[in-house]
Amino acid sequence: MTEAQIKLKRTESILLELVPQALGQMNDKRLHELDIIEVKCSRGKSDAKVYINPHELTQAQKNEYLRLLRKARPIVETYCLKDQGWYRCPTFTFEFDEQLEKSKNINELFSKIAKRNKDEEEV
């Protein structure tokens, strides 16, 4: 791993801690319950995607949370700047992590295939 990659991972790790702290200090209680899964920075650290656990939320609820997060983005960025003393902070983009749902579906498919194979072996 190169030095640049190490710095990028370190920044992502710091942001993974800071973003929930910043959201926890917001007045809107709905933002306190969000579960941040991962933060991925671009190579130049100018942008960062913040992945959120979708928890069984409906699409309307997801849209509402994304709207709230877009409004809160400058406050979260300012919090990170002040906490770390950085010159600039990545511009955050908030997204719900759909990979968890996809992996659940894949695991269910594998379970069905295994069950079908077991049933075929018994016959």
C-alpha atoms as a PDB file:
ATOM      1  CA  MET A   1       0.000   0.000   0.000  1.00  0.00           C
ATOM      2  CA  THR A   2       1.443   3.363  -0.994  1.00  0.00           C
ATOM      3  CA  GLU A   3       1.704   6.366   1.293  1.00  0.00           C
ATOM      4  CA  ALA A   4      -1.088   8.147  -0.604  1.00  0.00           C
ATOM      5  CA  GLN A   5      -3.403   5.156  -0.126  1.00  0.00           C
ATOM      6  CA  ILE A   6      -2.601   5.073   3.580  1.00  0.00           C
ATOM      7  CA  LYS A   7      -3.434   8.775   3.919  1.00  0.00           C
ATOM      8  CA  LEU A   8      -6.685   8.234   2.010  1.00  0.00           C
ATOM      9  CA  LYS A   9      -7.681   5.341   4.293  1.00  0.00           C
ATOM     10  CA  ARG A  10      -6.798   7.395   7.352  1.00  0.00           C
ATOM     11  CA  THR A  11      -8.990  10.265   6.132  1.00  0.00           C
ATOM     12  CA  GLU A  12     -11.864   7.857   5.439  1.00  0.00           C
ATOM     13  CA  SER A  13     -11.492   6.393   8.918  1.00  0.00           C
ATOM     14  CA  ILE A  14     -11.532   9.831  10.546  1.00  0.00           C
ATOM     15  CA  LEU A  15     -14.600  10.862   8.547  1.00  0.00           C
ATOM     16  CA  LEU A  16     -16.358   7.616   9.483  1.00  0.00           C
ATOM     17  CA  GLU A  17     -16.093   8.751  13.110  1.00  0.00           C
ATOM     18  CA  LEU A  18     -16.768  12.461  12.574  1.00  0.00           C
ATOM     19  CA  VAL A  19     -19.869  12.295  10.355  1.00  0.00           C
ATOM     20  CA  PRO A  20     -22.021  10.431  12.924  1.00  0.00           C
ATOM     21  CA  GLN A  21     -20.786  12.806  15.637  1.00  0.00           C
ATOM     22  CA  ALA A  22     -21.785  15.807  13.529  1.00  0.00           C
ATOM     23  CA  LEU A  23     -25.194  14.310  12.738  1.00  0.00           C
ATOM     24  CA  GLY A  24     -25.650  13.537  16.432  1.00  0.00           C
ATOM     25  CA  GLN A  25     -25.347  17.209  17.292  1.00  0.00           C
ATOM     26  CA  MET A  26     -28.085  18.281  14.880  1.00  0.00           C
ATOM     27  CA  ASN A  27     -31.435  19.472  16.220  1.00  0.00           C
ATOM     28  CA  ASP A  28     -33.354  17.038  14.006  1.00  0.00           C
ATOM     29  CA  LYS A  29     -33.625  13.789  15.976  1.00  0.00           C
ATOM     30  CA  ARG A  30     -34.215  11.794  12.774  1.00  0.00           C
ATOM     31  CA  LEU A  31     -30.594  12.346  11.770  1.00  0.00           C
ATOM     32  CA  HIS A  32     -29.372  10.910  15.088  1.00  0.00           C
ATOM     33  CA  GLU A  33     -30.659   7.432  14.234  1.00  0.00           C
ATOM     34  CA  LEU A  34     -28.817   7.099  10.916  1.00  0.00           C
ATOM     35  CA  ASP A  35     -26.207   4.371  10.800  1.00  0.00           C
ATOM     36  CA  ILE A  36     -23.137   5.345   8.749  1.00  0.00           C
ATOM     37  CA  ILE A  37     -21.579   2.234   7.235  1.00  0.00           C
ATOM     38  CA  GLU A  38     -18.694   3.546   5.178  1.00  0.00           C
ATOM     39  CA  VAL A  39     -17.063   6.693   3.813  1.00  0.00           C
ATOM     40  CA  LYS A  40     -15.235   6.544   0.481  1.00  0.00           C
ATOM     41  CA  CYS A  41     -13.092   9.515  -0.544  1.00  0.00           C
ATOM     42  CA  SER A  42     -12.032  10.328  -4.073  1.00  0.00           C
ATOM     43  CA  ARG A  43      -8.335  10.077  -4.796  1.00  0.00           C
ATOM     44  CA  GLY A  44      -7.809  13.820  -4.355  1.00  0.00           C
ATOM     45  CA  LYS A  45      -9.999  13.864  -1.217  1.00  0.00           C
ATOM     46  CA  SER A  46     -12.170  16.581  -2.738  1.00  0.00           C
ATOM     47  CA  ASP A  47     -15.312  14.436  -2.643  1.00  0.00           C
ATOM     48  CA  ALA A  48     -16.528  11.749  -0.276  1.00  0.00           C
ATOM     49  CA  LYS A  49     -19.474   9.377  -0.516  1.00  0.00           C
ATOM     50  CA  VAL A  50     -21.095   8.565   2.789  1.00  0.00           C
ATOM     51  CA  TYR A  51     -22.940   5.242   2.759  1.00  0.00           C
ATOM     52  CA  ILE A  52     -25.889   4.824   5.116  1.00  0.00           C
ATOM     53  CA  ASN A  53     -27.587   1.629   6.281  1.00  0.00           C
ATOM     54  CA  PRO A  54     -31.101   1.636   4.756  1.00  0.00           C
ATOM     55  CA  HIS A  55     -32.639  -0.266   7.741  1.00  0.00           C
ATOM     56  CA  GLU A  56     -35.885  -1.376   5.997  1.00  0.00           C
ATOM     57  CA  LEU A  57     -36.837   2.200   5.112  1.00  0.00           C
ATOM     58  CA  THR A  58     -39.382   2.843   2.391  1.00  0.00           C
ATOM     59  CA  GLN A  59     -38.335   4.768  -0.700  1.00  0.00           C
ATOM     60  CA  ALA A  60     -40.277   7.827   0.508  1.00  0.00           C
ATOM     61  CA  GLN A  61     -38.440   7.741   3.849  1.00  0.00           C
ATOM     62  CA  LYS A  62     -35.091   7.383   2.066  1.00  0.00           C
ATOM     63  CA  ASN A  63     -35.872  10.394  -0.105  1.00  0.00           C
ATOM     64  CA  GLU A  64     -36.805  12.418   2.979  1.00  0.00           C
ATOM     65  CA  TYR A  65     -33.560  11.482   4.750  1.00  0.00           C
ATOM     66  CA  LEU A  66     -31.520  12.346   1.657  1.00  0.00           C
ATOM     67  CA  ARG A  67     -33.251  15.732   1.484  1.00  0.00           C
ATOM     68  CA  LEU A  68     -32.419  16.365   5.157  1.00  0.00           C
ATOM     69  CA  LEU A  69     -28.813  15.278   4.632  1.00  0.00           C
ATOM     70  CA  ARG A  70     -28.369  17.576   1.641  1.00  0.00           C
ATOM     71  CA  LYS A  71     -29.466  20.459   3.846  1.00  0.00           C
ATOM     72  CA  ALA A  72     -27.165  19.345   6.681  1.00  0.00           C
ATOM     73  CA  ARG A  73     -24.125  18.783   4.433  1.00  0.00           C
ATOM     74  CA  PRO A  74     -22.480  22.214   4.968  1.00  0.00           C
ATOM     75  CA  ILE A  75     -22.865  21.903   8.736  1.00  0.00           C
ATOM     76  CA  VAL A  76     -21.295  18.427   8.736  1.00  0.00           C
ATOM     77  CA  GLU A  77     -18.413  19.650   6.577  1.00  0.00           C
ATOM     78  CA  THR A  78     -17.811  22.631   8.890  1.00  0.00           C
ATOM     79  CA  TYR A  79     -17.837  20.309  11.914  1.00  0.00           C
ATOM     80  CA  CYS A  80     -15.167  18.100  10.309  1.00  0.00           C
ATOM     81  CA  LEU A  81     -13.037  21.125   9.383  1.00  0.00           C
ATOM     82  CA  LYS A  82     -13.121  22.549  12.888  1.00  0.00           C
ATOM     83  CA  ASP A  83     -12.553  19.219  14.623  1.00  0.00           C
ATOM     84  CA  GLN A  84      -9.515  18.245  12.565  1.00  0.00           C
ATOM     85  CA  GLY A  85      -8.153  21.716  11.796  1.00  0.00           C
ATOM     86  CA  TRP A  86      -8.089  20.914   8.083  1.00  0.00           C
ATOM     87  CA  TYR A  87      -7.727  23.556   5.398  1.00  0.00           C
ATOM     88  CA  ARG A  88     -10.616  22.045   3.452  1.00  0.00           C
ATOM     89  CA  CYS A  89     -13.017  19.167   3.822  1.00  0.00           C
ATOM     90  CA  PRO A  90     -14.330  16.794   1.162  1.00  0.00           C
ATOM     91  CA  THR A  91     -17.734  17.592  -0.298  1.00  0.00           C
ATOM     92  CA  PHE A  92     -20.079  14.931   1.031  1.00  0.00           C
ATOM     93  CA  THR A  93     -22.576  12.969  -1.011  1.00  0.00           C
ATOM     94  CA  PHE A  94     -24.961  10.833   1.019  1.00  0.00           C
ATOM     95  CA  GLU A  95     -26.271   7.530  -0.361  1.00  0.00           C
ATOM     96  CA  PHE A  96     -28.070   4.542   1.048  1.00  0.00           C
ATOM     97  CA  ASP A  97     -25.985   1.386   0.760  1.00  0.00           C
ATOM     98  CA  GLU A  98     -27.951  -1.030  -1.371  1.00  0.00           C
ATOM     99  CA  GLN A  99     -25.124  -3.583  -1.377  1.00  0.00           C
ATOM    100  CA  LEU A 100     -26.406  -5.088   1.873  1.00  0.00           C
ATOM    101  CA  GLU A 101     -29.790  -5.742   0.305  1.00  0.00           C
ATOM    102  CA  LYS A 102     -28.173  -7.233  -2.793  1.00  0.00           C
ATOM    103  CA  SER A 103     -25.992  -9.523  -0.684  1.00  0.00           C
ATOM    104  CA  LYS A 104     -29.062 -10.691   1.261  1.00  0.00           C
ATOM    105  CA  ASN A 105     -30.784 -11.526  -2.010  1.00  0.00           C
ATOM    106  CA  ILE A 106     -27.725 -13.418  -3.226  1.00  0.00           C
ATOM    107  CA  ASN A 107     -27.528 -15.374   0.041  1.00  0.00           C
ATOM    108  CA  GLU A 108     -31.213 -16.258  -0.280  1.00  0.00           C
ATOM    109  CA  LEU A 109     -30.614 -17.494  -3.823  1.00  0.00           C
ATOM    110  CA  PHE A 110     -27.692 -19.634  -2.668  1.00  0.00           C
ATOM    111  CA  SER A 111     -29.883 -21.073   0.100  1.00  0.00           C
ATOM    112  CA  LYS A 112     -32.590 -21.967  -2.401  1.00  0.00           C
ATOM    113  CA  ILE A 113     -30.067 -23.579  -4.728  1.00  0.00           C
ATOM    114  CA  ALA A 114     -28.550 -25.588  -1.870  1.00  0.00           C
ATOM    115  CA  LYS A 115     -31.998 -26.724  -0.744  1.00  0.00           C
ATOM    116  CA  ARG A 116     -32.984 -27.699  -4.274  1.00  0.00           C
ATOM    117  CA  ASN A 117     -29.727 -29.630  -4.730  1.00  0.00           C
ATOM    118  CA  LYS A 118     -30.294 -31.391  -1.401  1.00  0.00           C
ATOM    119  CA  ASP A 119     -33.855 -32.302  -2.418  1.00  0.00           C
ATOM    120  CA  GLU A 120     -32.616 -33.655  -5.759  1.00  0.00           C
ATOM    121  CA  GLU A 121     -29.971 -35.785  -4.047  1.00  0.00           C
ATOM    122  CA  GLU A 122     -32.592 -37.351  -1.783  1.00  0.00           C
ATOM    123  CA  VAL A 123     -34.715 -38.429  -4.759  1.00  0.00           C
END
